[in-house]
Each structure stands twice: as structure tokens, then as C-alpha cells.
């Protein structure tokens, strides 16, 4: 949506790290991210939210949809 700079990133490996996600969006300015995890076990849920500095950066990131990361697309 217009004005949004946050993107849902799904179908992630349960082994993904913040470093891995930053690498996937290399060259784009990231303001922050949150990898969703189970509150009780701390186990990752396989998705994250990535916030970019600008709408343009978000649009560039969305063009990378479908690229593999740690063996998952």
C-alpha cells in the first residue's frame, strides 16, 4: 500500500538469521526487521517482516520475490 515501507517475507527456512535476510536484500536500506518466533519455544515460525527506509527500497525488494534463500523460495 502507498506509504508503507514494511514487507512480509514468507516461506523462510527455520534456520534463517537477520544476517541472511540482510544479505538477501543487499544494497537496499533496511530500517529494521523482525523474524517471527514462537513465544514459548523461541523456534522461528518461517516468516519475517522487513522494514525499509523508503518506499522505493520496498519496491526494489518486492522485485526479488521468488528468489531462493537457504534453499527455500
C-alpha atoms as a PDB file:
ATOM      1  CA  UNK A   1       0.000   0.000   0.000  1.00  0.00           C
ATOM      2  CA  UNK A   2       1.015   3.590  -0.633  1.00  0.00           C
ATOM      3  CA  UNK A   3       3.065   4.956   2.234  1.00  0.00           C
ATOM      4  CA  UNK A   4       4.055   1.521   3.555  1.00  0.00           C
ATOM      5  CA  UNK A   5       7.689   0.535   3.849  1.00  0.00           C
ATOM      6  CA  UNK A   6       7.221  -2.863   5.532  1.00  0.00           C
ATOM      7  CA  UNK A   7       7.183  -6.175   3.690  1.00  0.00           C
ATOM      8  CA  UNK A   8       6.088  -9.646   4.776  1.00  0.00           C
ATOM      9  CA  UNK A   9       8.668 -12.276   3.832  1.00  0.00           C
ATOM     10  CA  UNK A  10       7.296 -15.805   3.991  1.00  0.00           C
ATOM     11  CA  UNK A  11       8.337 -19.401   3.386  1.00  0.00           C
ATOM     12  CA  UNK A  12      11.653 -18.841   5.164  1.00  0.00           C
ATOM     13  CA  UNK A  13      13.926 -21.592   6.389  1.00  0.00           C
ATOM     14  CA  UNK A  14      13.652 -22.138  10.135  1.00  0.00           C
ATOM     15  CA  UNK A  15      17.427 -21.564  10.167  1.00  0.00           C
ATOM     16  CA  UNK A  16      17.275 -18.049   8.661  1.00  0.00           C
ATOM     17  CA  UNK A  17      19.034 -15.266  10.552  1.00  0.00           C
ATOM     18  CA  UNK A  18      18.874 -11.485  10.409  1.00  0.00           C
ATOM     19  CA  UNK A  19      22.250 -11.620   8.653  1.00  0.00           C
ATOM     20  CA  UNK A  20      20.774 -13.912   5.967  1.00  0.00           C
ATOM     21  CA  UNK A  21      17.830 -11.582   5.379  1.00  0.00           C
ATOM     22  CA  UNK A  22      20.071  -8.525   5.167  1.00  0.00           C
ATOM     23  CA  UNK A  23      22.127 -10.403   2.585  1.00  0.00           C
ATOM     24  CA  UNK A  24      19.017 -11.215   0.555  1.00  0.00           C
ATOM     25  CA  UNK A  25      18.245  -7.505   0.344  1.00  0.00           C
ATOM     26  CA  UNK A  26      21.863  -6.429  -0.132  1.00  0.00           C
ATOM     27  CA  UNK A  27      22.149  -2.855  -1.321  1.00  0.00           C
ATOM     28  CA  UNK A  28      18.741  -1.815  -0.020  1.00  0.00           C
ATOM     29  CA  UNK A  29      18.437   0.407   3.066  1.00  0.00           C
ATOM     30  CA  UNK A  30      16.787  -1.613   5.852  1.00  0.00           C
ATOM     31  CA  UNK A  31      15.352   0.242   8.846  1.00  0.00           C
ATOM     32  CA  UNK A  32      14.615  -2.907  10.837  1.00  0.00           C
ATOM     33  CA  UNK A  33      13.281  -6.437  10.792  1.00  0.00           C
ATOM     34  CA  UNK A  34      11.531  -8.978  12.960  1.00  0.00           C
ATOM     35  CA  UNK A  35      11.797 -12.718  12.448  1.00  0.00           C
ATOM     36  CA  UNK A  36       8.652 -14.243  13.943  1.00  0.00           C
ATOM     37  CA  UNK A  37       9.252 -16.858  16.632  1.00  0.00           C
ATOM     38  CA  UNK A  38       7.089 -18.979  18.908  1.00  0.00           C
ATOM     39  CA  UNK A  39       6.731 -17.217  22.264  1.00  0.00           C
ATOM     40  CA  UNK A  40       7.144 -20.387  24.311  1.00  0.00           C
ATOM     41  CA  UNK A  41       9.864 -22.254  22.424  1.00  0.00           C
ATOM     42  CA  UNK A  42      11.630 -19.414  20.626  1.00  0.00           C
ATOM     43  CA  UNK A  43      11.566 -21.535  17.467  1.00  0.00           C
ATOM     44  CA  UNK A  44      11.258 -19.464  14.265  1.00  0.00           C
ATOM     45  CA  UNK A  45       7.884 -19.614  12.521  1.00  0.00           C
ATOM     46  CA  UNK A  46       9.244 -19.302   8.966  1.00  0.00           C
ATOM     47  CA  UNK A  47       8.336 -15.699   8.228  1.00  0.00           C
ATOM     48  CA  UNK A  48       9.555 -12.188   8.937  1.00  0.00           C
ATOM     49  CA  UNK A  49       8.696  -8.535   8.496  1.00  0.00           C
ATOM     50  CA  UNK A  50      11.329  -6.287   6.950  1.00  0.00           C
ATOM     51  CA  UNK A  51      11.029  -2.510   7.121  1.00  0.00           C
ATOM     52  CA  UNK A  52      12.857  -0.462   4.529  1.00  0.00           C
ATOM     53  CA  UNK A  53      13.947   3.170   4.777  1.00  0.00           C
ATOM     54  CA  UNK A  54      11.946   4.246   1.731  1.00  0.00           C
ATOM     55  CA  UNK A  55       9.024   3.196  -0.458  1.00  0.00           C
ATOM     56  CA  UNK A  56      11.452   2.930  -3.391  1.00  0.00           C
ATOM     57  CA  UNK A  57      13.579   0.430  -1.463  1.00  0.00           C
ATOM     58  CA  UNK A  58      10.439  -1.592  -0.693  1.00  0.00           C
ATOM     59  CA  UNK A  59       9.503  -1.639  -4.381  1.00  0.00           C
ATOM     60  CA  UNK A  60      13.002  -2.868  -5.307  1.00  0.00           C
ATOM     61  CA  UNK A  61      12.779  -5.561  -2.623  1.00  0.00           C
ATOM     62  CA  UNK A  62       9.424  -6.751  -3.944  1.00  0.00           C
ATOM     63  CA  UNK A  63      11.016  -7.344  -7.353  1.00  0.00           C
ATOM     64  CA  UNK A  64      13.131 -10.038  -5.669  1.00  0.00           C
ATOM     65  CA  UNK A  65      10.008 -12.069  -4.859  1.00  0.00           C
ATOM     66  CA  UNK A  66      10.512 -15.771  -5.514  1.00  0.00           C
ATOM     67  CA  UNK A  67      14.282 -15.812  -5.077  1.00  0.00           C
ATOM     68  CA  UNK A  68      15.650 -18.723  -3.039  1.00  0.00           C
ATOM     69  CA  UNK A  69      17.101 -18.132   0.428  1.00  0.00           C
ATOM     70  CA  UNK A  70      18.686 -21.026   2.306  1.00  0.00           C
ATOM     71  CA  UNK A  71      17.070 -23.475  -0.080  1.00  0.00           C
ATOM     72  CA  UNK A  72      13.510 -22.134   0.130  1.00  0.00           C
ATOM     73  CA  UNK A  73      11.643 -19.908  -2.315  1.00  0.00           C
END
